[in-house]
Amino acid sequence: MKYYKLDNQVFAFESDGSQDEFITDQMVLMTDNEVLFHQNNDGTLTYDAETDSIIVDDALVAAKKEREQLQVWENIKSLRQDKMTGGVYVLSVDKYLHTDETSSIQYAQIGTAISLGMFQPMNWKTMEGDFIELTEAIFRELQIEMIVNTQSVYARAEYHKYMMMQSDNPLDYDYSTGWAT
């Protein structure tokens, strides 16, 4: 390919001359370094026209890495939230119970009812779609599992944040491993 520039736009034409009729007098043939810069600029390079050289700009490299780190951290936080609200396993009933925001509000109300001595066992829908009898003992076990899950999920998120921040390529870091179920 032959590359030309005109008014900050780049035009590519076949090297065999079959498209030369489209090359105007205003177009300027690009140097090999200009072409490399155009094709490979990931936001960390600058081009010096006087010396026809490509320069890696350390400040741009650092800024790009910081943007990528922030992006990946947002992704980790989103996964953390999914893990927090994805339910917990309660061994005594061999079921997963919800931990989403709506369920958490209901759990707060149940906790209040228990503290006031007003709690009565009730039918409670599991994540599998069936019902269990939610007793005070099962509720306490659920609360413990939620606390353990919360601490585990936050610890895993912080671990992944730390490891990602150490990575030369934050976008390539795999933060999907090691989360509690």
C-alpha atoms as a PDB file:
ATOM      1  CA  MET A   1       0.000   0.000   0.000  1.00  0.00           C
ATOM      2  CA  LYS A   2       1.002   3.603  -0.586  1.00  0.00           C
ATOM      3  CA  TYR A   3      -0.153   6.118   2.003  1.00  0.00           C
ATOM      4  CA  TYR A   4      -0.824   9.784   1.389  1.00  0.00           C
ATOM      5  CA  LYS A   5      -2.047  12.530   3.672  1.00  0.00           C
ATOM      6  CA  LEU A   6      -4.251  15.503   2.979  1.00  0.00           C
ATOM      7  CA  ASP A   7      -5.814  17.834   5.560  1.00  0.00           C
ATOM      8  CA  ASN A   8      -5.031  15.488   8.474  1.00  0.00           C
ATOM      9  CA  GLN A   9      -6.634  12.565   6.659  1.00  0.00           C
ATOM     10  CA  VAL A  10      -4.798   9.473   5.472  1.00  0.00           C
ATOM     11  CA  PHE A  11      -5.510   7.794   2.169  1.00  0.00           C
ATOM     12  CA  ALA A  12      -4.264   4.342   1.184  1.00  0.00           C
ATOM     13  CA  PHE A  13      -3.788   3.201  -2.395  1.00  0.00           C
ATOM     14  CA  GLU A  14      -2.665  -0.089  -3.892  1.00  0.00           C
ATOM     15  CA  SER A  15       1.095  -0.330  -4.442  1.00  0.00           C
ATOM     16  CA  ASP A  16       0.619  -1.719  -7.959  1.00  0.00           C
ATOM     17  CA  GLY A  17      -0.477   1.695  -9.277  1.00  0.00           C
ATOM     18  CA  SER A  18      -4.013   0.565 -10.067  1.00  0.00           C
ATOM     19  CA  GLN A  19      -5.465   3.422  -7.995  1.00  0.00           C
ATOM     20  CA  ASP A  20      -2.959   6.160  -8.820  1.00  0.00           C
ATOM     21  CA  GLU A  21      -5.634   8.102 -10.726  1.00  0.00           C
ATOM     22  CA  PHE A  22      -7.177   8.966  -7.333  1.00  0.00           C
ATOM     23  CA  ILE A  23      -3.972  10.551  -5.993  1.00  0.00           C
ATOM     24  CA  THR A  24      -4.229  14.338  -6.268  1.00  0.00           C
ATOM     25  CA  ASP A  25      -1.445  16.928  -6.396  1.00  0.00           C
ATOM     26  CA  GLN A  26      -2.461  18.150  -2.928  1.00  0.00           C
ATOM     27  CA  MET A  27      -1.806  14.763  -1.360  1.00  0.00           C
ATOM     28  CA  VAL A  28       1.593  14.204   0.254  1.00  0.00           C
ATOM     29  CA  LEU A  29       3.265  10.798   0.220  1.00  0.00           C
ATOM     30  CA  MET A  30       3.826   9.640   3.801  1.00  0.00           C
ATOM     31  CA  THR A  31       7.213   8.431   4.995  1.00  0.00           C
ATOM     32  CA  ASP A  32       7.603   4.909   6.375  1.00  0.00           C
ATOM     33  CA  ASN A  33       7.705   6.330   9.923  1.00  0.00           C
ATOM     34  CA  GLU A  34       4.563   8.381   9.342  1.00  0.00           C
ATOM     35  CA  VAL A  35       2.803   5.225   8.160  1.00  0.00           C
ATOM     36  CA  LEU A  36       4.060   3.259  11.178  1.00  0.00           C
ATOM     37  CA  PHE A  37       2.899   6.051  13.478  1.00  0.00           C
ATOM     38  CA  HIS A  38      -0.516   6.143  11.817  1.00  0.00           C
ATOM     39  CA  GLN A  39      -0.975   2.369  11.971  1.00  0.00           C
ATOM     40  CA  ASN A  40       0.396   1.727  15.445  1.00  0.00           C
ATOM     41  CA  ASN A  41      -0.363   4.770  17.540  1.00  0.00           C
ATOM     42  CA  ASP A  42      -2.017   3.546  20.717  1.00  0.00           C
ATOM     43  CA  GLY A  43      -1.997   6.973  22.306  1.00  0.00           C
ATOM     44  CA  THR A  44       1.534   6.676  23.672  1.00  0.00           C
ATOM     45  CA  LEU A  45       3.489   7.894  20.649  1.00  0.00           C
ATOM     46  CA  THR A  46       4.294  11.233  19.118  1.00  0.00           C
ATOM     47  CA  TYR A  47       5.653  11.901  15.658  1.00  0.00           C
ATOM     48  CA  ASP A  48       8.437  14.415  15.038  1.00  0.00           C
ATOM     49  CA  ALA A  49       8.080  15.635  11.445  1.00  0.00           C
ATOM     50  CA  GLU A  50      11.428  17.458  11.508  1.00  0.00           C
ATOM     51  CA  THR A  51      13.382  14.278  12.213  1.00  0.00           C
ATOM     52  CA  ASP A  52      10.805  11.869  10.747  1.00  0.00           C
ATOM     53  CA  SER A  53      10.900   9.867  13.959  1.00  0.00           C
ATOM     54  CA  ILE A  54       8.438   8.197  16.252  1.00  0.00           C
ATOM     55  CA  ILE A  55       8.908   8.952  19.930  1.00  0.00           C
ATOM     56  CA  VAL A  56       7.502   6.944  22.801  1.00  0.00           C
ATOM     57  CA  ASP A  57       6.163   9.549  25.197  1.00  0.00           C
ATOM     58  CA  ASP A  58       6.589   8.286  28.768  1.00  0.00           C
ATOM     59  CA  ALA A  59       3.933  10.672  30.057  1.00  0.00           C
ATOM     60  CA  LEU A  60       1.446   9.356  27.507  1.00  0.00           C
ATOM     61  CA  VAL A  61       2.392   5.758  28.390  1.00  0.00           C
ATOM     62  CA  ALA A  62       1.772   6.474  32.082  1.00  0.00           C
ATOM     63  CA  ALA A  63      -1.541   8.229  31.356  1.00  0.00           C
ATOM     64  CA  LYS A  64      -2.714   5.351  29.157  1.00  0.00           C
ATOM     65  CA  LYS A  65      -1.811   2.806  31.833  1.00  0.00           C
ATOM     66  CA  GLU A  66      -3.658   4.841  34.459  1.00  0.00           C
ATOM     67  CA  ARG A  67      -6.784   5.018  32.250  1.00  0.00           C
ATOM     68  CA  GLU A  68      -6.617   1.268  31.709  1.00  0.00           C
ATOM     69  CA  GLN A  69      -6.149   0.625  35.436  1.00  0.00           C
ATOM     70  CA  LEU A  70      -9.205   2.740  36.230  1.00  0.00           C
ATOM     71  CA  GLN A  71     -11.220   0.896  33.593  1.00  0.00           C
ATOM     72  CA  VAL A  72     -10.221  -2.536  34.919  1.00  0.00           C
ATOM     73  CA  TRP A  73     -10.836  -1.451  38.525  1.00  0.00           C
ATOM     74  CA  GLU A  74     -14.380  -0.446  37.532  1.00  0.00           C
ATOM     75  CA  ASN A  75     -14.792  -3.902  35.960  1.00  0.00           C
ATOM     76  CA  ILE A  76     -13.508  -5.568  39.128  1.00  0.00           C
ATOM     77  CA  LYS A  77     -15.924  -3.532  41.250  1.00  0.00           C
ATOM     78  CA  SER A  78     -18.778  -4.534  38.968  1.00  0.00           C
ATOM     79  CA  LEU A  79     -17.864  -8.206  39.326  1.00  0.00           C
ATOM     80  CA  ARG A  80     -17.518  -7.693  43.085  1.00  0.00           C
ATOM     81  CA  GLN A  81     -21.079  -6.338  43.173  1.00  0.00           C
ATOM     82  CA  ASP A  82     -22.331  -9.320  41.154  1.00  0.00           C
ATOM     83  CA  LYS A  83     -20.645 -11.699  43.601  1.00  0.00           C
ATOM     84  CA  MET A  84     -22.107  -9.809  46.556  1.00  0.00           C
ATOM     85  CA  THR A  85     -25.636 -10.035  45.211  1.00  0.00           C
ATOM     86  CA  GLY A  86     -25.423 -13.468  43.597  1.00  0.00           C
ATOM     87  CA  GLY A  87     -26.666 -15.430  46.608  1.00  0.00           C
ATOM     88  CA  VAL A  88     -25.053 -17.567  49.283  1.00  0.00           C
ATOM     89  CA  TYR A  89     -25.201 -21.251  50.051  1.00  0.00           C
ATOM     90  CA  VAL A  90     -26.847 -22.241  53.338  1.00  0.00           C
ATOM     91  CA  LEU A  91     -25.650 -25.686  54.311  1.00  0.00           C
ATOM     92  CA  SER A  92     -28.419 -26.654  56.739  1.00  0.00           C
ATOM     93  CA  VAL A  93     -31.053 -26.398  53.993  1.00  0.00           C
ATOM     94  CA  ASP A  94     -28.704 -27.282  51.101  1.00  0.00           C
ATOM     95  CA  LYS A  95     -29.967 -24.260  49.144  1.00  0.00           C
ATOM     96  CA  TYR A  96     -28.791 -20.927  47.809  1.00  0.00           C
ATOM     97  CA  LEU A  97     -30.597 -17.908  49.213  1.00  0.00           C
ATOM     98  CA  HIS A  98     -30.799 -14.501  47.575  1.00  0.00           C
ATOM     99  CA  THR A  99     -28.505 -11.640  48.569  1.00  0.00           C
ATOM    100  CA  ASP A 100     -29.733  -8.970  46.202  1.00  0.00           C
ATOM    101  CA  GLU A 101     -30.783  -5.523  47.397  1.00  0.00           C
ATOM    102  CA  THR A 102     -34.464  -6.380  47.784  1.00  0.00           C
ATOM    103  CA  SER A 103     -33.666  -9.486  49.820  1.00  0.00           C
ATOM    104  CA  SER A 104     -31.251  -7.531  51.994  1.00  0.00           C
ATOM    105  CA  ILE A 105     -34.036  -5.099  52.865  1.00  0.00           C
ATOM    106  CA  GLN A 106     -36.259  -8.011  53.825  1.00  0.00           C
ATOM    107  CA  TYR A 107     -33.432  -9.510  55.903  1.00  0.00           C
ATOM    108  CA  ALA A 108     -33.079  -6.222  57.780  1.00  0.00           C
ATOM    109  CA  GLN A 109     -36.794  -6.352  58.581  1.00  0.00           C
ATOM    110  CA  ILE A 110     -36.490  -9.958  59.747  1.00  0.00           C
ATOM    111  CA  GLY A 111     -33.520  -8.976  61.937  1.00  0.00           C
ATOM    112  CA  THR A 112     -35.633  -6.243  63.493  1.00  0.00           C
ATOM    113  CA  ALA A 113     -38.488  -8.677  64.087  1.00  0.00           C
ATOM    114  CA  ILE A 114     -36.069 -11.096  65.783  1.00  0.00           C
ATOM    115  CA  SER A 115     -34.621  -8.362  67.996  1.00  0.00           C
ATOM    116  CA  LEU A 116     -38.153  -7.332  69.015  1.00  0.00           C
ATOM    117  CA  GLY A 117     -39.129 -10.938  69.747  1.00  0.00           C
ATOM    118  CA  MET A 118     -41.779 -10.815  67.029  1.00  0.00           C
ATOM    119  CA  PHE A 119     -40.300 -13.208  64.474  1.00  0.00           C
ATOM    120  CA  GLN A 120     -42.343 -16.153  63.266  1.00  0.00           C
ATOM    121  CA  PRO A 121     -40.965 -18.834  60.909  1.00  0.00           C
ATOM    122  CA  MET A 122     -42.110 -18.266  57.338  1.00  0.00           C
ATOM    123  CA  ASN A 123     -41.991 -19.757  53.883  1.00  0.00           C
ATOM    124  CA  TRP A 124     -38.971 -18.388  52.039  1.00  0.00           C
ATOM    125  CA  LYS A 125     -38.216 -18.765  48.341  1.00  0.00           C
ATOM    126  CA  THR A 126     -34.757 -20.059  47.455  1.00  0.00           C
ATOM    127  CA  MET A 127     -32.712 -19.197  44.398  1.00  0.00           C
ATOM    128  CA  GLU A 128     -33.663 -22.593  42.977  1.00  0.00           C
ATOM    129  CA  GLY A 129     -37.293 -21.465  43.032  1.00  0.00           C
ATOM    130  CA  ASP A 130     -38.590 -23.746  45.762  1.00  0.00           C
ATOM    131  CA  PHE A 131     -39.508 -22.843  49.334  1.00  0.00           C
ATOM    132  CA  ILE A 132     -38.016 -23.568  52.721  1.00  0.00           C
ATOM    133  CA  GLU A 133     -39.228 -22.760  56.186  1.00  0.00           C
ATOM    134  CA  LEU A 134     -37.074 -19.839  57.274  1.00  0.00           C
ATOM    135  CA  THR A 135     -36.481 -20.233  60.978  1.00  0.00           C
ATOM    136  CA  GLU A 136     -34.448 -18.021  63.256  1.00  0.00           C
ATOM    137  CA  ALA A 137     -31.618 -20.590  63.205  1.00  0.00           C
ATOM    138  CA  ILE A 138     -31.572 -20.687  59.396  1.00  0.00           C
ATOM    139  CA  PHE A 139     -31.714 -16.892  59.306  1.00  0.00           C
ATOM    140  CA  ARG A 140     -28.684 -16.683  61.615  1.00  0.00           C
ATOM    141  CA  GLU A 141     -26.802 -19.147  59.405  1.00  0.00           C
ATOM    142  CA  LEU A 142     -27.754 -17.089  56.355  1.00  0.00           C
ATOM    143  CA  GLN A 143     -26.456 -13.923  58.014  1.00  0.00           C
ATOM    144  CA  ILE A 144     -23.143 -15.601  58.858  1.00  0.00           C
ATOM    145  CA  GLU A 145     -22.793 -16.822  55.262  1.00  0.00           C
ATOM    146  CA  MET A 146     -23.519 -13.329  53.986  1.00  0.00           C
ATOM    147  CA  ILE A 147     -20.846 -11.851  56.261  1.00  0.00           C
ATOM    148  CA  VAL A 148     -18.305 -14.487  55.225  1.00  0.00           C
ATOM    149  CA  ASN A 149     -19.183 -13.956  51.552  1.00  0.00           C
ATOM    150  CA  THR A 150     -18.898 -10.175  51.850  1.00  0.00           C
ATOM    151  CA  GLN A 151     -15.480 -10.372  53.469  1.00  0.00           C
ATOM    152  CA  SER A 152     -14.272 -12.947  50.952  1.00  0.00           C
ATOM    153  CA  VAL A 153     -15.547 -10.991  47.962  1.00  0.00           C
ATOM    154  CA  TYR A 154     -14.028  -7.704  49.129  1.00  0.00           C
ATOM    155  CA  ALA A 155     -10.707  -9.416  49.852  1.00  0.00           C
ATOM    156  CA  ARG A 156     -10.678 -11.018  46.400  1.00  0.00           C
ATOM    157  CA  ALA A 157     -11.469  -7.666  44.749  1.00  0.00           C
ATOM    158  CA  GLU A 158      -8.616  -5.981  46.600  1.00  0.00           C
ATOM    159  CA  TYR A 159      -6.267  -8.825  45.659  1.00  0.00           C
ATOM    160  CA  HIS A 160      -7.201  -8.461  41.992  1.00  0.00           C
ATOM    161  CA  LYS A 161      -6.842  -4.686  42.180  1.00  0.00           C
ATOM    162  CA  TYR A 162      -3.353  -5.049  43.645  1.00  0.00           C
ATOM    163  CA  MET A 163      -2.280  -7.634  41.064  1.00  0.00           C
ATOM    164  CA  MET A 164      -3.761  -5.643  38.181  1.00  0.00           C
ATOM    165  CA  MET A 165      -1.967  -2.483  39.326  1.00  0.00           C
ATOM    166  CA  GLN A 166       1.323  -4.425  39.175  1.00  0.00           C
ATOM    167  CA  SER A 167       0.616  -5.578  35.633  1.00  0.00           C
ATOM    168  CA  ASP A 168       2.317  -3.912  32.677  1.00  0.00           C
ATOM    169  CA  ASN A 169      -0.857  -4.511  30.672  1.00  0.00           C
ATOM    170  CA  PRO A 170      -3.886  -3.924  32.926  1.00  0.00           C
ATOM    171  CA  LEU A 171      -6.359  -4.757  30.152  1.00  0.00           C
ATOM    172  CA  ASP A 172      -4.817  -8.231  29.845  1.00  0.00           C
ATOM    173  CA  TYR A 173      -5.077  -9.002  33.565  1.00  0.00           C
ATOM    174  CA  ASP A 174      -7.548 -11.829  34.328  1.00  0.00           C
ATOM    175  CA  TYR A 175      -9.520 -10.830  37.427  1.00  0.00           C
ATOM    176  CA  SER A 176     -12.137 -13.581  37.029  1.00  0.00           C
ATOM    177  CA  THR A 177     -10.347 -16.183  39.155  1.00  0.00           C
ATOM    178  CA  GLY A 178     -10.621 -17.157  42.800  1.00  0.00           C
ATOM    179  CA  TRP A 179     -13.966 -15.615  43.703  1.00  0.00           C
ATOM    180  CA  ALA A 180     -16.146 -17.378  46.261  1.00  0.00           C
ATOM    181  CA  THR A 181     -19.275 -18.990  44.916  1.00  0.00           C
END
